[in-house]
Protein backbone atom coordinates (compact mmCIF):
# COMPACT_ATOMS: atom_id res chain seq x y z
CA UNK A 1 110.21 156.51 71.09
CA UNK A 2 110.58 160.04 72.85
CA UNK A 3 108.53 160.78 75.99
CA UNK A 4 107.84 164.22 78.00
CA UNK A 5 106.67 165.23 81.86
CA UNK A 6 103.02 166.44 80.70
CA UNK A 7 100.95 164.81 83.12
CA UNK A 8 98.58 162.27 82.33
CA UNK A 9 94.77 161.45 83.74
CA UNK A 10 94.30 157.85 84.36
CA UNK A 11 90.54 156.62 84.73
CA UNK A 12 90.41 153.51 86.52
CA UNK A 13 87.19 151.60 85.74
CA UNK A 14 87.69 148.70 87.66
CA UNK A 15 84.43 149.10 89.79
CA UNK A 16 82.77 148.43 86.73
CA UNK A 17 84.70 147.02 83.80
CA UNK A 18 86.88 145.36 86.45
CA UNK A 19 84.16 143.97 88.38
CA UNK A 20 81.37 143.10 85.81
CA UNK A 21 82.47 139.56 84.88
CA UNK A 22 83.06 138.79 88.71
CA UNK A 23 80.71 137.02 91.18
CA UNK A 24 78.44 139.67 92.18
CA UNK A 25 79.78 141.87 95.33
CA UNK A 26 77.84 143.71 97.63
CA UNK A 27 77.03 147.53 96.79
CA UNK A 28 79.24 148.19 99.54
CA UNK A 29 82.12 146.63 98.84
CA UNK A 30 81.91 148.46 95.11
CA UNK A 31 81.52 151.77 96.74
CA UNK A 32 84.21 151.19 99.01
CA UNK A 33 86.85 150.22 96.43
CA UNK A 34 85.89 152.93 94.16
CA UNK A 35 86.22 155.56 96.94
CA UNK A 36 89.59 153.84 97.90
CA UNK A 37 91.15 154.59 94.67
CA UNK A 38 89.70 157.91 94.60
CA UNK A 39 91.60 158.63 97.94
CA UNK A 40 95.01 157.25 96.07
CA UNK A 41 94.69 159.95 93.87
CA UNK A 42 92.69 158.84 90.77
CA UNK A 43 91.03 162.03 89.54
CA UNK A 44 88.66 159.93 87.75
CA UNK A 45 86.84 156.79 88.46
CA UNK A 46 83.80 154.95 86.75
CA UNK A 47 81.83 153.16 89.62
CA UNK A 48 78.83 151.85 87.79
CA UNK A 49 76.99 150.38 84.76
CA UNK A 50 73.27 151.31 84.41
CA UNK A 51 72.66 148.00 82.29
CA UNK A 52 69.83 145.11 82.76
CA UNK A 53 71.07 143.29 85.86
CA UNK A 54 69.39 140.14 84.05
CA UNK A 55 72.34 140.61 81.36
CA UNK A 56 75.23 141.54 83.79
CA UNK A 57 74.56 140.49 87.28
CA UNK A 58 77.40 141.97 88.80
CA UNK A 59 76.42 145.85 88.25
CA UNK A 60 73.01 145.50 89.98
CA UNK A 61 71.92 148.51 92.55
CA UNK A 62 74.04 151.08 90.84
CA UNK A 63 71.89 153.51 92.49
CA UNK A 64 73.08 152.26 95.81
CA UNK A 65 76.45 152.15 94.78
CA UNK A 66 75.91 155.90 94.00
CA UNK A 67 74.73 156.92 97.44
CA UNK A 68 77.96 155.76 98.95
CA UNK A 69 80.31 157.27 96.71
CA UNK A 70 82.06 160.02 98.47
CA UNK A 71 80.77 163.12 96.61
CA UNK A 72 83.90 165.42 95.47
CA UNK A 73 86.36 162.84 95.88
CA UNK A 74 86.85 162.06 92.37
CA UNK A 75 85.00 162.38 88.66
CA UNK A 76 82.58 159.73 89.39
CA UNK A 77 81.62 157.91 85.71
CA UNK A 78 78.77 155.90 84.94
CA UNK A 79 78.31 153.84 81.75
CA UNK A 80 74.92 153.99 80.65
CA UNK A 81 73.44 151.75 77.30
CA UNK A 82 70.70 153.78 76.36
CA UNK A 83 68.08 156.52 77.04
CA UNK A 84 66.57 154.45 80.26
CA UNK A 85 70.11 153.49 81.43
CA UNK A 86 70.90 157.37 80.72
CA UNK A 87 67.72 158.40 82.92
CA UNK A 88 68.71 156.35 86.23
CA UNK A 89 72.35 157.46 86.27
CA UNK A 90 70.77 161.13 86.43
CA UNK A 91 68.38 160.28 88.90
CA UNK A 92 71.46 158.51 90.69
CA UNK A 93 73.65 162.42 90.67
CA UNK A 94 75.80 161.34 87.57
CA UNK A 95 77.09 164.11 85.49
CA UNK A 96 80.00 162.14 83.88
CA UNK A 97 78.52 159.11 81.42
CA UNK A 98 80.01 156.84 79.50
CA UNK A 99 78.37 155.36 76.04
CA UNK A 100 79.87 152.30 73.96
CA UNK A 101 79.21 152.25 70.38
CA UNK A 102 81.32 149.25 68.47
CA UNK A 103 83.08 149.90 65.19
CA UNK A 104 82.50 146.25 64.38
CA UNK A 105 79.55 145.83 62.98
CA UNK A 106 78.95 142.36 63.86
CA UNK A 107 79.36 142.43 67.49
CA UNK A 108 77.00 145.72 67.78
CA UNK A 109 74.50 143.47 66.41
CA UNK A 110 75.78 140.62 68.88
CA UNK A 111 76.27 142.69 71.75
CA UNK A 112 73.06 145.18 71.57
CA UNK A 113 71.27 143.63 68.93
CA UNK A 114 71.48 147.42 67.02
CA UNK A 115 73.71 148.21 63.81
CA UNK A 116 76.63 150.88 64.41
CA UNK A 117 73.54 153.39 62.82
CA UNK A 118 71.40 152.60 65.25
CA UNK A 119 73.85 152.80 67.97
CA UNK A 120 74.61 156.25 66.69
CA UNK A 121 70.79 157.30 66.98
CA UNK A 122 70.65 155.67 70.65
CA UNK A 123 73.69 158.23 71.51
CA UNK A 124 71.51 160.92 70.23
CA UNK A 125 68.73 160.06 72.77
CA UNK A 126 71.13 160.00 75.36
CA UNK A 127 72.71 163.13 74.75
CA UNK A 128 69.44 164.69 74.43
CA UNK A 129 68.39 163.73 77.91
CA UNK A 130 71.76 164.04 79.45
CA UNK A 131 71.96 167.94 78.21
CA UNK A 132 73.95 169.31 81.16
CA UNK A 133 76.37 166.00 81.56
CA UNK A 134 80.00 165.44 80.01
CA UNK A 135 79.24 162.13 77.72
CA UNK A 136 83.03 160.13 76.82
CA UNK A 137 82.09 157.75 73.91
CA UNK A 138 84.10 155.04 73.89
CA UNK A 139 84.32 152.83 70.31
CA UNK A 140 84.96 149.52 70.92
CA UNK A 141 87.07 147.14 68.46
CA UNK A 142 89.09 150.04 67.80
CA UNK A 143 92.08 148.12 66.72
CA UNK A 144 90.90 145.00 65.02
CA UNK A 145 87.89 143.02 65.28
CA UNK A 146 87.68 139.01 65.35
CA UNK A 147 84.45 138.79 63.70
CA UNK A 148 86.05 139.32 60.17
CA UNK A 149 83.87 142.08 59.33
CA UNK A 150 86.98 144.38 58.49
CA UNK A 151 87.39 147.32 61.04
CA UNK A 152 89.71 149.85 59.51
CA UNK A 153 91.27 153.25 60.56
CA UNK A 154 89.24 154.88 58.35
CA UNK A 155 86.40 153.35 59.26
CA UNK A 156 87.06 154.40 63.13
CA UNK A 157 87.98 157.68 62.40
CA UNK A 158 84.65 158.08 60.43
CA UNK A 159 82.89 156.99 63.56
CA UNK A 160 84.55 159.00 65.83
CA UNK A 161 83.46 162.10 63.40
CA UNK A 162 79.83 160.57 63.62
CA UNK A 163 79.66 160.51 67.25
CA UNK A 164 81.03 164.22 67.70
CA UNK A 165 78.70 165.19 65.34
CA UNK A 166 76.05 163.76 67.78
CA UNK A 167 77.48 166.03 70.77
CA UNK A 168 79.75 163.70 72.64
CA UNK A 169 81.97 165.62 74.59
CA UNK A 170 84.87 163.18 74.66
CA UNK A 171 86.22 159.95 72.73
CA UNK A 172 88.02 156.81 73.76
CA UNK A 173 89.51 154.03 71.76
CA UNK A 174 88.79 150.45 73.32
CA UNK A 175 91.27 147.75 72.35
CA UNK A 176 88.12 145.14 73.57
CA UNK A 177 90.06 142.02 72.89
CA UNK A 178 93.72 143.21 73.00
CA UNK A 179 94.40 143.72 68.99
CA UNK A 180 96.31 146.59 69.26
CA UNK A 181 100.19 146.96 68.56
CA UNK A 182 101.68 150.20 68.04
CA UNK A 183 101.64 150.36 64.54
CA UNK A 184 97.79 149.92 64.34
CA UNK A 185 97.81 152.85 67.45
CA UNK A 186 99.68 155.04 65.42
CA UNK A 187 97.60 154.25 62.08
CA UNK A 188 94.03 155.41 64.23
CA UNK A 189 95.56 158.20 65.72
CA UNK A 190 96.94 159.24 62.33
CA UNK A 191 93.20 159.12 61.62
CA UNK A 192 91.83 160.61 64.65
CA UNK A 193 94.17 162.55 66.17
CA UNK A 194 95.33 162.12 69.68
CA UNK A 195 92.82 164.36 71.42
CA UNK A 196 91.41 160.77 72.29
CA UNK A 197 91.35 158.67 75.40
CA UNK A 198 92.62 154.92 75.47
CA UNK A 199 90.99 152.14 77.03
CA UNK A 200 93.38 149.08 76.65
CA UNK A 201 92.99 145.07 77.38
CA UNK A 202 95.98 142.95 77.68
CA UNK A 203 94.44 139.90 76.06
CA UNK A 204 98.09 139.63 74.21
CA UNK A 205 100.38 140.97 76.95
CA UNK A 206 100.83 144.07 74.88
CA UNK A 207 98.46 146.78 77.00
CA UNK A 208 101.38 148.35 78.65
CA UNK A 209 103.64 148.26 75.29
CA UNK A 210 100.61 150.15 73.68
CA UNK A 211 100.14 153.03 76.28
CA UNK A 212 103.71 153.68 76.22
CA UNK A 213 103.25 154.22 72.36
CA UNK A 214 99.93 156.27 72.27
CA UNK A 215 101.88 158.51 74.95
CA UNK A 216 104.58 159.19 72.91
CA UNK A 217 101.92 159.96 69.98
CA UNK A 218 100.39 162.61 72.39
CA UNK A 219 97.38 160.87 73.82
CA UNK A 220 97.35 162.05 77.89
CA UNK A 221 94.02 159.89 78.96
CA UNK A 222 94.13 156.32 79.71
CA UNK A 223 91.36 153.48 80.81
CA UNK A 224 92.85 151.05 83.75
CA UNK A 225 91.37 148.55 86.06
CA UNK A 226 93.00 148.26 89.58
CA UNK A 227 94.86 144.56 89.33
CA UNK A 228 94.01 144.04 85.48
CA UNK A 229 90.42 142.75 86.10
CA UNK A 230 87.78 143.25 83.14
CA UNK A 231 87.07 142.12 79.72
CA UNK A 232 83.65 142.16 78.58
CA UNK A 233 81.66 139.17 79.29
CA UNK A 234 79.95 139.52 75.63
CA UNK A 235 83.61 139.31 73.79
CA UNK A 236 84.67 135.91 73.80
CA UNK A 237 88.64 136.10 74.55
CA UNK A 238 88.64 139.18 75.84
CA UNK A 239 91.16 139.76 78.75
CA UNK A 240 91.42 141.98 81.35
CA UNK A 241 92.24 145.69 81.48
CA UNK A 242 95.49 147.24 81.83
CA UNK A 243 96.44 147.31 85.29
CA UNK A 244 96.45 150.69 87.12
CA UNK A 245 99.32 150.03 88.79
CA UNK A 246 101.60 149.02 85.94
CA UNK A 247 100.88 151.77 84.14
CA UNK A 248 101.22 153.90 87.10
CA UNK A 249 105.01 152.49 88.19
CA UNK A 250 105.78 152.93 84.28
CA UNK A 251 104.69 156.57 84.08
CA UNK A 252 106.58 157.44 87.69
CA UNK A 253 109.59 155.77 86.45
CA UNK A 254 109.67 157.97 83.14
CA UNK A 255 108.92 161.19 85.36
CA UNK A 256 105.69 161.80 84.27
CA UNK A 257 103.18 162.86 86.49
CA UNK A 258 99.77 160.61 87.26
CA UNK A 259 98.84 161.92 90.96
CA UNK A 260 98.29 158.27 92.30
CA UNK A 261 100.13 156.89 95.14
CA UNK A 262 101.37 153.66 93.94
CA UNK A 263 101.63 152.15 97.01
CA UNK A 264 98.19 152.67 98.21
CA UNK A 265 96.99 151.00 94.94
CA UNK A 266 98.67 148.05 96.09
CA UNK A 267 96.89 147.90 99.32
CA UNK A 268 93.60 148.29 97.03
CA UNK A 269 94.91 145.64 94.47
CA UNK A 270 95.27 143.12 97.79
CA UNK A 271 91.31 144.76 98.88
CA UNK A 272 90.19 143.36 95.50
CA UNK A 273 91.72 139.77 95.74
CA UNK A 274 90.01 139.27 99.04
CA UNK A 275 86.93 140.14 97.87
CA UNK A 276 87.01 138.24 94.70
CA UNK A 277 88.54 135.11 96.16
CA UNK A 278 91.56 135.19 94.09
CA UNK A 279 94.90 136.61 93.17
CA UNK A 280 94.34 139.79 90.39
CA UNK A 281 96.30 139.29 87.55
CA UNK A 282 98.54 142.58 87.54
CA UNK A 283 102.43 141.49 87.56
CA UNK A 284 103.00 144.44 89.60
CA UNK A 285 100.35 143.53 92.25
CA UNK A 286 102.57 140.12 92.88
CA UNK A 287 105.83 141.50 92.71
CA UNK A 288 105.81 145.32 93.98
CA UNK A 289 106.99 148.53 92.92
CA UNK A 290 110.65 149.04 91.91
CA UNK A 291 113.61 149.18 93.89
CA UNK A 292 115.68 152.32 93.77
CA UNK A 293 118.19 152.99 90.96
CA UNK A 294 120.32 155.65 90.72
CA UNK A 295 120.36 156.83 87.22
């Protein structure tokens, strides 16, 4: 596959997706991780989620985290599950929001108690409340569902079209349980086009391969998580996210601009490991950067 040297945008979701399944950390520590990611060159960071603290205790105190984020150092994103979450995010100062709609009808009802159609109606409500905000709709299970409900490339493309009709500004395709392969990515992008983001999980150790394949097909926006942490606590078997440092290392070696300081990321990974009390899954966090090599 061929690549080019056009710059990519990486959104680190570690402070949200990466930490949501961990033992809750104080707001100050979560904000410190987010601010250090911005200082390392990440232009986009998903910092918080305005979900019920009863459902996801690790995401409690989102407004407290928001107050500690360094304004202007990055585009700060907040995940909002519904109209009320959107209202809270706007009150906290966020103007970049992520919403999630599942391509799996079974998961949609398991996770949110809503059908896909009802989730689309929820997105419409969020769009009305967040009139001036940028909304990125994340389509979970875009590359296959473990629930036997037959997700297809055409179905994902139709859901993407429905979301655009509701007024979302961007779309991101999520591989929630690590079902993507280069073949499946090519099939979905063939229907949706490449003007989408990609949110990859490494359940089957294919996330980096899939990112490379997607880049070759024109994708220029990628979600990652520092240290490779993450995975939906509501999707059994979901592995961690594609590690930020692994994607940065690959793209830098290919001569593709990421704007990100790899050495700084490795230090942040060490901080995260100390805060959660264990090593992070990232192999680059363990092995370090590449040695010099003259080609």
